[in-house]
């Protein structure tokens, strides 16, 4: 059976998005509430979680500064969302 991927399918982006979704859900946050807390749009969060867009460093810093995942450090957040995905 052939697996067809969308035109811009990137497994690394999918993995990053899945990790973000998992972290958000562990805090029992909806996309709407999460986006409000970190000052990004619902659409951006949805695109990140669905692997449609690369999570920017700027967005990761916003997530960190919001303290949503406190006591996680910025280094830990970067490791979970970026470094370990691309190892």
PDB file of N, CA and C in Angstrom:
ATOM      1  N   UNK A   1       0.841  -1.174   0.000  1.00  0.00           N
ATOM      2  CA  UNK A   1       0.000   0.000   0.000  1.00  0.00           C
ATOM      3  C   UNK A   1       0.893   1.246   0.000  1.00  0.00           C
ATOM      4  N   UNK A   2       0.605   2.173  -0.861  1.00  0.00           N
ATOM      5  CA  UNK A   2       1.367   3.404  -0.971  1.00  0.00           C
ATOM      6  C   UNK A   2       0.809   4.443  -0.013  1.00  0.00           C
ATOM      7  N   UNK A   3       1.703   5.071   0.745  1.00  0.00           N
ATOM      8  CA  UNK A   3       1.289   6.154   1.629  1.00  0.00           C
ATOM      9  C   UNK A   3       1.522   7.457   0.890  1.00  0.00           C
ATOM     10  N   UNK A   4       0.461   8.221   0.741  1.00  0.00           N
ATOM     11  CA  UNK A   4       0.569   9.512   0.069  1.00  0.00           C
ATOM     12  C   UNK A   4       0.637  10.610   1.118  1.00  0.00           C
ATOM     13  N   UNK A   5       1.584  11.492   0.929  1.00  0.00           N
ATOM     14  CA  UNK A   5       1.752  12.601   1.850  1.00  0.00           C
ATOM     15  C   UNK A   5       1.339  13.881   1.150  1.00  0.00           C
ATOM     16  N   UNK A   6       0.912  14.827   1.950  1.00  0.00           N
ATOM     17  CA  UNK A   6       0.592  16.132   1.399  1.00  0.00           C
ATOM     18  C   UNK A   6       1.852  16.727   0.789  1.00  0.00           C
ATOM     19  N   UNK A   7       1.664  17.679  -0.077  1.00  0.00           N
ATOM     20  CA  UNK A   7       2.748  18.293  -0.831  1.00  0.00           C
ATOM     21  C   UNK A   7       3.927  18.731   0.047  1.00  0.00           C
ATOM     22  N   UNK A   8       3.646  19.372   1.167  1.00  0.00           N
ATOM     23  CA  UNK A   8       4.713  19.894   2.021  1.00  0.00           C
ATOM     24  C   UNK A   8       4.955  19.030   3.252  1.00  0.00           C
ATOM     25  N   UNK A   9       4.690  17.752   3.170  1.00  0.00           N
ATOM     26  CA  UNK A   9       4.837  16.846   4.308  1.00  0.00           C
ATOM     27  C   UNK A   9       6.284  16.798   4.775  1.00  0.00           C
ATOM     28  N   UNK A  10       6.466  17.009   6.065  1.00  0.00           N
ATOM     29  CA  UNK A  10       7.799  16.936   6.653  1.00  0.00           C
ATOM     30  C   UNK A  10       7.669  16.247   8.008  1.00  0.00           C
ATOM     31  N   UNK A  11       8.195  15.035   8.146  1.00  0.00           N
ATOM     32  CA  UNK A  11       8.035  14.298   9.403  1.00  0.00           C
ATOM     33  C   UNK A  11       8.625  15.018  10.616  1.00  0.00           C
ATOM     34  N   UNK A  12       9.635  15.826  10.425  1.00  0.00           N
ATOM     35  CA  UNK A  12      10.220  16.575  11.545  1.00  0.00           C
ATOM     36  C   UNK A  12       9.234  17.620  12.065  1.00  0.00           C
ATOM     37  N   UNK A  13       8.548  18.297  11.145  1.00  0.00           N
ATOM     38  CA  UNK A  13       7.546  19.282  11.558  1.00  0.00           C
ATOM     39  C   UNK A  13       6.385  18.604  12.264  1.00  0.00           C
ATOM     40  N   UNK A  14       6.000  17.444  11.774  1.00  0.00           N
ATOM     41  CA  UNK A  14       4.923  16.672  12.399  1.00  0.00           C
ATOM     42  C   UNK A  14       5.316  16.318  13.832  1.00  0.00           C
ATOM     43  N   UNK A  15       6.535  15.849  14.024  1.00  0.00           N
ATOM     44  CA  UNK A  15       6.995  15.466  15.363  1.00  0.00           C
ATOM     45  C   UNK A  15       7.037  16.671  16.301  1.00  0.00           C
ATOM     46  N   UNK A  16       7.518  17.810  15.802  1.00  0.00           N
ATOM     47  CA  UNK A  16       7.546  19.020  16.625  1.00  0.00           C
ATOM     48  C   UNK A  16       6.136  19.391  17.063  1.00  0.00           C
ATOM     49  N   UNK A  17       5.212  19.349  16.120  1.00  0.00           N
ATOM     50  CA  UNK A  17       3.822  19.688  16.414  1.00  0.00           C
ATOM     51  C   UNK A  17       3.183  18.742  17.406  1.00  0.00           C
ATOM     52  N   UNK A  18       3.475  17.458  17.257  1.00  0.00           N
ATOM     53  CA  UNK A  18       2.927  16.463  18.183  1.00  0.00           C
ATOM     54  C   UNK A  18       3.445  16.692  19.596  1.00  0.00           C
ATOM     55  N   UNK A  19       4.696  17.069  19.710  1.00  0.00           N
ATOM     56  CA  UNK A  19       5.268  17.342  21.033  1.00  0.00           C
ATOM     57  C   UNK A  19       4.618  18.565  21.670  1.00  0.00           C
ATOM     58  N   UNK A  20       4.408  19.606  20.871  1.00  0.00           N
ATOM     59  CA  UNK A  20       3.750  20.807  21.386  1.00  0.00           C
ATOM     60  C   UNK A  20       2.326  20.478  21.833  1.00  0.00           C
ATOM     61  N   UNK A  21       1.598  19.729  21.009  1.00  0.00           N
ATOM     62  CA  UNK A  21       0.223  19.345  21.352  1.00  0.00           C
ATOM     63  C   UNK A  21       0.186  18.541  22.653  1.00  0.00           C
ATOM     64  N   UNK A  22       1.090  17.590  22.775  1.00  0.00           N
ATOM     65  CA  UNK A  22       1.150  16.755  23.978  1.00  0.00           C
ATOM     66  C   UNK A  22       1.414  17.612  25.226  1.00  0.00           C
ATOM     67  N   UNK A  23       2.340  18.547  25.118  1.00  0.00           N
ATOM     68  CA  UNK A  23       2.648  19.424  26.251  1.00  0.00           C
ATOM     69  C   UNK A  23       1.443  20.286  26.614  1.00  0.00           C
ATOM     70  N   UNK A  24       0.771  20.822  25.602  1.00  0.00           N
ATOM     71  CA  UNK A  24      -0.407  21.668  25.832  1.00  0.00           C
ATOM     72  C   UNK A  24      -1.514  20.876  26.509  1.00  0.00           C
ATOM     73  N   UNK A  25      -1.754  19.665  26.019  1.00  0.00           N
ATOM     74  CA  UNK A  25      -2.825  18.837  26.577  1.00  0.00           C
ATOM     75  C   UNK A  25      -2.527  18.394  28.005  1.00  0.00           C
ATOM     76  N   UNK A  26      -1.260  18.182  28.328  1.00  0.00           N
ATOM     77  CA  UNK A  26      -0.897  17.822  29.708  1.00  0.00           C
ATOM     78  C   UNK A  26      -1.255  18.937  30.682  1.00  0.00           C
ATOM     79  N   UNK A  27      -1.320  20.157  30.182  1.00  0.00           N
ATOM     80  CA  UNK A  27      -1.713  21.307  31.004  1.00  0.00           C
ATOM     81  C   UNK A  27      -3.222  21.572  30.904  1.00  0.00           C
ATOM     82  N   UNK A  28      -3.931  20.673  30.210  1.00  0.00           N
ATOM     83  CA  UNK A  28      -5.386  20.799  30.023  1.00  0.00           C
ATOM     84  C   UNK A  28      -5.786  22.130  29.395  1.00  0.00           C
ATOM     85  N   UNK A  29      -5.030  22.549  28.397  1.00  0.00           N
ATOM     86  CA  UNK A  29      -5.311  23.803  27.707  1.00  0.00           C
ATOM     87  C   UNK A  29      -5.873  23.538  26.320  1.00  0.00           C
ATOM     88  N   UNK A  30      -6.893  24.286  25.962  1.00  0.00           N
ATOM     89  CA  UNK A  30      -7.382  24.250  24.586  1.00  0.00           C
ATOM     90  C   UNK A  30      -6.417  25.068  23.731  1.00  0.00           C
ATOM     91  N   UNK A  31      -6.511  24.907  22.431  1.00  0.00           N
ATOM     92  CA  UNK A  31      -5.682  25.733  21.541  1.00  0.00           C
ATOM     93  C   UNK A  31      -5.999  27.203  21.784  1.00  0.00           C
ATOM     94  N   UNK A  32      -7.266  27.509  21.940  1.00  0.00           N
ATOM     95  CA  UNK A  32      -7.688  28.894  22.145  1.00  0.00           C
ATOM     96  C   UNK A  32      -7.082  29.494  23.415  1.00  0.00           C
ATOM     97  N   UNK A  33      -7.168  28.777  24.519  1.00  0.00           N
ATOM     98  CA  UNK A  33      -6.626  29.281  25.788  1.00  0.00           C
ATOM     99  C   UNK A  33      -5.097  29.370  25.719  1.00  0.00           C
ATOM    100  N   UNK A  34      -4.465  28.363  25.143  1.00  0.00           N
ATOM    101  CA  UNK A  34      -3.010  28.357  25.001  1.00  0.00           C
ATOM    102  C   UNK A  34      -2.551  29.544  24.161  1.00  0.00           C
ATOM    103  N   UNK A  35      -3.209  29.769  23.035  1.00  0.00           N
ATOM    104  CA  UNK A  35      -2.812  30.872  22.155  1.00  0.00           C
ATOM    105  C   UNK A  35      -2.993  32.223  22.848  1.00  0.00           C
ATOM    106  N   UNK A  36      -4.036  32.325  23.657  1.00  0.00           N
ATOM    107  CA  UNK A  36      -4.262  33.553  24.421  1.00  0.00           C
ATOM    108  C   UNK A  36      -3.125  33.783  25.431  1.00  0.00           C
ATOM    109  N   UNK A  37      -2.727  32.734  26.116  1.00  0.00           N
ATOM    110  CA  UNK A  37      -1.671  32.843  27.128  1.00  0.00           C
ATOM    111  C   UNK A  37      -0.312  33.216  26.542  1.00  0.00           C
ATOM    112  N   UNK A  38      -0.051  32.760  25.328  1.00  0.00           N
ATOM    113  CA  UNK A  38       1.267  33.034  24.735  1.00  0.00           C
ATOM    114  C   UNK A  38       1.229  34.137  23.676  1.00  0.00           C
ATOM    115  N   UNK A  39       0.046  34.709  23.482  1.00  0.00           N
ATOM    116  CA  UNK A  39      -0.117  35.841  22.567  1.00  0.00           C
ATOM    117  C   UNK A  39       0.217  35.496  21.110  1.00  0.00           C
ATOM    118  N   UNK A  40      -0.285  34.343  20.675  1.00  0.00           N
ATOM    119  CA  UNK A  40      -0.212  33.935  19.271  1.00  0.00           C
ATOM    120  C   UNK A  40      -1.616  33.526  18.846  1.00  0.00           C
ATOM    121  N   UNK A  41      -1.890  33.545  17.567  1.00  0.00           N
ATOM    122  CA  UNK A  41      -3.232  33.197  17.099  1.00  0.00           C
ATOM    123  C   UNK A  41      -3.494  31.692  17.172  1.00  0.00           C
ATOM    124  N   UNK A  42      -4.782  31.352  17.264  1.00  0.00           N
ATOM    125  CA  UNK A  42      -5.198  29.944  17.240  1.00  0.00           C
ATOM    126  C   UNK A  42      -4.673  29.260  15.983  1.00  0.00           C
ATOM    127  N   UNK A  43      -4.738  29.976  14.868  1.00  0.00           N
ATOM    128  CA  UNK A  43      -4.328  29.417  13.575  1.00  0.00           C
ATOM    129  C   UNK A  43      -2.843  29.049  13.584  1.00  0.00           C
ATOM    130  N   UNK A  44      -2.030  29.918  14.152  1.00  0.00           N
ATOM    131  CA  UNK A  44      -0.592  29.631  14.216  1.00  0.00           C
ATOM    132  C   UNK A  44      -0.339  28.377  15.041  1.00  0.00           C
ATOM    133  N   UNK A  45      -0.982  28.286  16.205  1.00  0.00           N
ATOM    134  CA  UNK A  45      -0.804  27.109  17.063  1.00  0.00           C
ATOM    135  C   UNK A  45      -1.277  25.857  16.340  1.00  0.00           C
ATOM    136  N   UNK A  46      -2.421  25.949  15.699  1.00  0.00           N
ATOM    137  CA  UNK A  46      -2.956  24.812  14.950  1.00  0.00           C
ATOM    138  C   UNK A  46      -1.984  24.381  13.851  1.00  0.00           C
ATOM    139  N   UNK A  47      -1.434  25.342  13.133  1.00  0.00           N
ATOM    140  CA  UNK A  47      -0.468  25.030  12.072  1.00  0.00           C
ATOM    141  C   UNK A  47       0.794  24.381  12.635  1.00  0.00           C
ATOM    142  N   UNK A  48       1.260  24.854  13.776  1.00  0.00           N
ATOM    143  CA  UNK A  48       2.416  24.225  14.425  1.00  0.00           C
ATOM    144  C   UNK A  48       2.088  22.781  14.790  1.00  0.00           C
ATOM    145  N   UNK A  49       0.953  22.596  15.462  1.00  0.00           N
ATOM    146  CA  UNK A  49       0.598  21.265  15.956  1.00  0.00           C
ATOM    147  C   UNK A  49       0.323  20.270  14.837  1.00  0.00           C
ATOM    148  N   UNK A  50      -0.115  20.764  13.694  1.00  0.00           N
ATOM    149  CA  UNK A  50      -0.400  19.886  12.558  1.00  0.00           C
ATOM    150  C   UNK A  50       0.782  19.745  11.604  1.00  0.00           C
ATOM    151  N   UNK A  51       1.923  20.310  11.975  1.00  0.00           N
ATOM    152  CA  UNK A  51       3.126  20.175  11.165  1.00  0.00           C
ATOM    153  C   UNK A  51       3.099  20.969   9.876  1.00  0.00           C
ATOM    154  N   UNK A  52       2.262  21.996   9.826  1.00  0.00           N
ATOM    155  CA  UNK A  52       2.181  22.817   8.613  1.00  0.00           C
ATOM    156  C   UNK A  52       3.221  23.926   8.600  1.00  0.00           C
ATOM    157  N   UNK A  53       3.665  24.332   9.789  1.00  0.00           N
ATOM    158  CA  UNK A  53       4.668  25.384   9.905  1.00  0.00           C
ATOM    159  C   UNK A  53       5.725  24.992  10.920  1.00  0.00           C
ATOM    160  N   UNK A  54       6.938  25.430  10.682  1.00  0.00           N
ATOM    161  CA  UNK A  54       8.036  25.254  11.624  1.00  0.00           C
ATOM    162  C   UNK A  54       7.803  26.187  12.809  1.00  0.00           C
ATOM    163  N   UNK A  55       7.968  25.680  14.014  1.00  0.00           N
ATOM    164  CA  UNK A  55       7.825  26.514  15.200  1.00  0.00           C
ATOM    165  C   UNK A  55       9.026  27.450  15.251  1.00  0.00           C
ATOM    166  N   UNK A  56       8.756  28.737  15.244  1.00  0.00           N
ATOM    167  CA  UNK A  56       9.853  29.706  15.224  1.00  0.00           C
ATOM    168  C   UNK A  56      10.490  29.841  16.603  1.00  0.00           C
ATOM    169  N   UNK A  57      11.724  30.286  16.609  1.00  0.00           N
ATOM    170  CA  UNK A  57      12.417  30.554  17.871  1.00  0.00           C
ATOM    171  C   UNK A  57      11.660  31.641  18.633  1.00  0.00           C
ATOM    172  N   UNK A  58      11.169  32.633  17.913  1.00  0.00           N
ATOM    173  CA  UNK A  58      10.391  33.704  18.545  1.00  0.00           C
ATOM    174  C   UNK A  58       9.181  33.127  19.283  1.00  0.00           C
ATOM    175  N   UNK A  59       8.488  32.181  18.668  1.00  0.00           N
ATOM    176  CA  UNK A  59       7.324  31.559  19.303  1.00  0.00           C
ATOM    177  C   UNK A  59       7.728  30.732  20.518  1.00  0.00           C
ATOM    178  N   UNK A  60       8.838  30.033  20.411  1.00  0.00           N
ATOM    179  CA  UNK A  60       9.312  29.239  21.551  1.00  0.00           C
ATOM    180  C   UNK A  60       9.651  30.155  22.724  1.00  0.00           C
ATOM    181  N   UNK A  61      10.253  31.299  22.433  1.00  0.00           N
ATOM    182  CA  UNK A  61      10.566  32.262  23.494  1.00  0.00           C
ATOM    183  C   UNK A  61       9.276  32.806  24.108  1.00  0.00           C
ATOM    184  N   UNK A  62       8.262  33.073  23.284  1.00  0.00           N
ATOM    185  CA  UNK A  62       6.967  33.532  23.813  1.00  0.00           C
ATOM    186  C   UNK A  62       6.347  32.473  24.722  1.00  0.00           C
ATOM    187  N   UNK A  63       6.427  31.233  24.303  1.00  0.00           N
ATOM    188  CA  UNK A  63       5.900  30.137  25.123  1.00  0.00           C
ATOM    189  C   UNK A  63       6.640  30.108  26.458  1.00  0.00           C
ATOM    190  N   UNK A  64       7.947  30.210  26.396  1.00  0.00           N
ATOM    191  CA  UNK A  64       8.757  30.196  27.618  1.00  0.00           C
ATOM    192  C   UNK A  64       8.401  31.369  28.534  1.00  0.00           C
ATOM    193  N   UNK A  65       8.339  32.571  27.982  1.00  0.00           N
ATOM    194  CA  UNK A  65       8.068  33.769  28.785  1.00  0.00           C
ATOM    195  C   UNK A  65       6.671  33.767  29.398  1.00  0.00           C
ATOM    196  N   UNK A  66       5.759  33.022  28.813  1.00  0.00           N
ATOM    197  CA  UNK A  66       4.393  32.957  29.344  1.00  0.00           C
ATOM    198  C   UNK A  66       4.318  32.139  30.632  1.00  0.00           C
ATOM    199  N   UNK A  67       5.355  31.355  30.907  1.00  0.00           N
ATOM    200  CA  UNK A  67       5.402  30.465  32.074  1.00  0.00           C
ATOM    201  C   UNK A  67       4.346  29.362  32.043  1.00  0.00           C
ATOM    202  N   UNK A  68       3.793  29.083  30.892  1.00  0.00           N
ATOM    203  CA  UNK A  68       2.787  28.024  30.763  1.00  0.00           C
ATOM    204  C   UNK A  68       3.361  26.681  31.197  1.00  0.00           C
ATOM    205  N   UNK A  69       4.612  26.425  30.865  1.00  0.00           N
ATOM    206  CA  UNK A  69       5.226  25.144  31.185  1.00  0.00           C
ATOM    207  C   UNK A  69       6.240  25.250  32.328  1.00  0.00           C
ATOM    208  N   UNK A  70       6.075  26.262  33.168  1.00  0.00           N
ATOM    209  CA  UNK A  70       6.946  26.433  34.336  1.00  0.00           C
ATOM    210  C   UNK A  70       6.918  25.165  35.174  1.00  0.00           C
ATOM    211  N   UNK A  71       8.034  24.692  35.670  1.00  0.00           N
ATOM    212  CA  UNK A  71       9.363  25.299  35.804  1.00  0.00           C
ATOM    213  C   UNK A  71      10.335  24.940  34.681  1.00  0.00           C
ATOM    214  N   UNK A  72       9.826  24.569  33.523  1.00  0.00           N
ATOM    215  CA  UNK A  72      10.689  24.203  32.397  1.00  0.00           C
ATOM    216  C   UNK A  72      11.541  25.405  31.981  1.00  0.00           C
ATOM    217  N   UNK A  73      12.820  25.162  31.764  1.00  0.00           N
ATOM    218  CA  UNK A  73      13.717  26.231  31.325  1.00  0.00           C
ATOM    219  C   UNK A  73      13.609  26.404  29.807  1.00  0.00           C
ATOM    220  N   UNK A  74      14.139  27.506  29.323  1.00  0.00           N
ATOM    221  CA  UNK A  74      14.158  27.739  27.881  1.00  0.00           C
ATOM    222  C   UNK A  74      14.980  26.656  27.185  1.00  0.00           C
ATOM    223  N   UNK A  75      16.081  26.271  27.784  1.00  0.00           N
ATOM    224  CA  UNK A  75      16.923  25.216  27.215  1.00  0.00           C
ATOM    225  C   UNK A  75      16.153  23.905  27.100  1.00  0.00           C
ATOM    226  N   UNK A  76      15.401  23.553  28.133  1.00  0.00           N
ATOM    227  CA  UNK A  76      14.603  22.319  28.102  1.00  0.00           C
ATOM    228  C   UNK A  76      13.528  22.391  27.025  1.00  0.00           C
ATOM    229  N   UNK A  77      12.883  23.542  26.914  1.00  0.00           N
ATOM    230  CA  UNK A  77      11.846  23.726  25.899  1.00  0.00           C
ATOM    231  C   UNK A  77      12.433  23.594  24.494  1.00  0.00           C
ATOM    232  N   UNK A  78      13.560  24.232  24.260  1.00  0.00           N
ATOM    233  CA  UNK A  78      14.237  24.116  22.963  1.00  0.00           C
ATOM    234  C   UNK A  78      14.645  22.676  22.678  1.00  0.00           C
ATOM    235  N   UNK A  79      15.116  21.987  23.693  1.00  0.00           N
ATOM    236  CA  UNK A  79      15.523  20.594  23.514  1.00  0.00           C
ATOM    237  C   UNK A  79      14.333  19.723  23.123  1.00  0.00           C
ATOM    238  N   UNK A  80      13.217  19.894  23.791  1.00  0.00           N
ATOM    239  CA  UNK A  80      12.029  19.081  23.510  1.00  0.00           C
ATOM    240  C   UNK A  80      11.463  19.375  22.122  1.00  0.00           C
ATOM    241  N   UNK A  81      11.355  20.657  21.783  1.00  0.00           N
ATOM    242  CA  UNK A  81      10.688  21.037  20.535  1.00  0.00           C
ATOM    243  C   UNK A  81      11.602  21.072  19.314  1.00  0.00           C
ATOM    244  N   UNK A  82      12.896  21.227  19.515  1.00  0.00           N
ATOM    245  CA  UNK A  82      13.782  21.388  18.357  1.00  0.00           C
ATOM    246  C   UNK A  82      14.937  20.384  18.354  1.00  0.00           C
ATOM    247  N   UNK A  83      15.803  20.470  19.334  1.00  0.00           N
ATOM    248  CA  UNK A  83      17.055  19.712  19.316  1.00  0.00           C
ATOM    249  C   UNK A  83      16.819  18.216  19.179  1.00  0.00           C
ATOM    250  N   UNK A  84      15.997  17.650  20.055  1.00  0.00           N
ATOM    251  CA  UNK A  84      15.801  16.195  20.025  1.00  0.00           C
ATOM    252  C   UNK A  84      15.087  15.724  18.761  1.00  0.00           C
ATOM    253  N   UNK A  85      14.322  16.604  18.132  1.00  0.00           N
ATOM    254  CA  UNK A  85      13.635  16.244  16.884  1.00  0.00           C
ATOM    255  C   UNK A  85      14.635  16.095  15.744  1.00  0.00           C
ATOM    256  N   UNK A  86      15.678  16.912  15.754  1.00  0.00           N
ATOM    257  CA  UNK A  86      16.627  16.932  14.646  1.00  0.00           C
ATOM    258  C   UNK A  86      17.923  16.175  14.924  1.00  0.00           C
ATOM    259  N   UNK A  87      17.974  15.413  16.012  1.00  0.00           N
ATOM    260  CA  UNK A  87      19.175  14.628  16.312  1.00  0.00           C
ATOM    261  C   UNK A  87      19.334  13.505  15.324  1.00  0.00           C
TER     262      UNK A  87
END
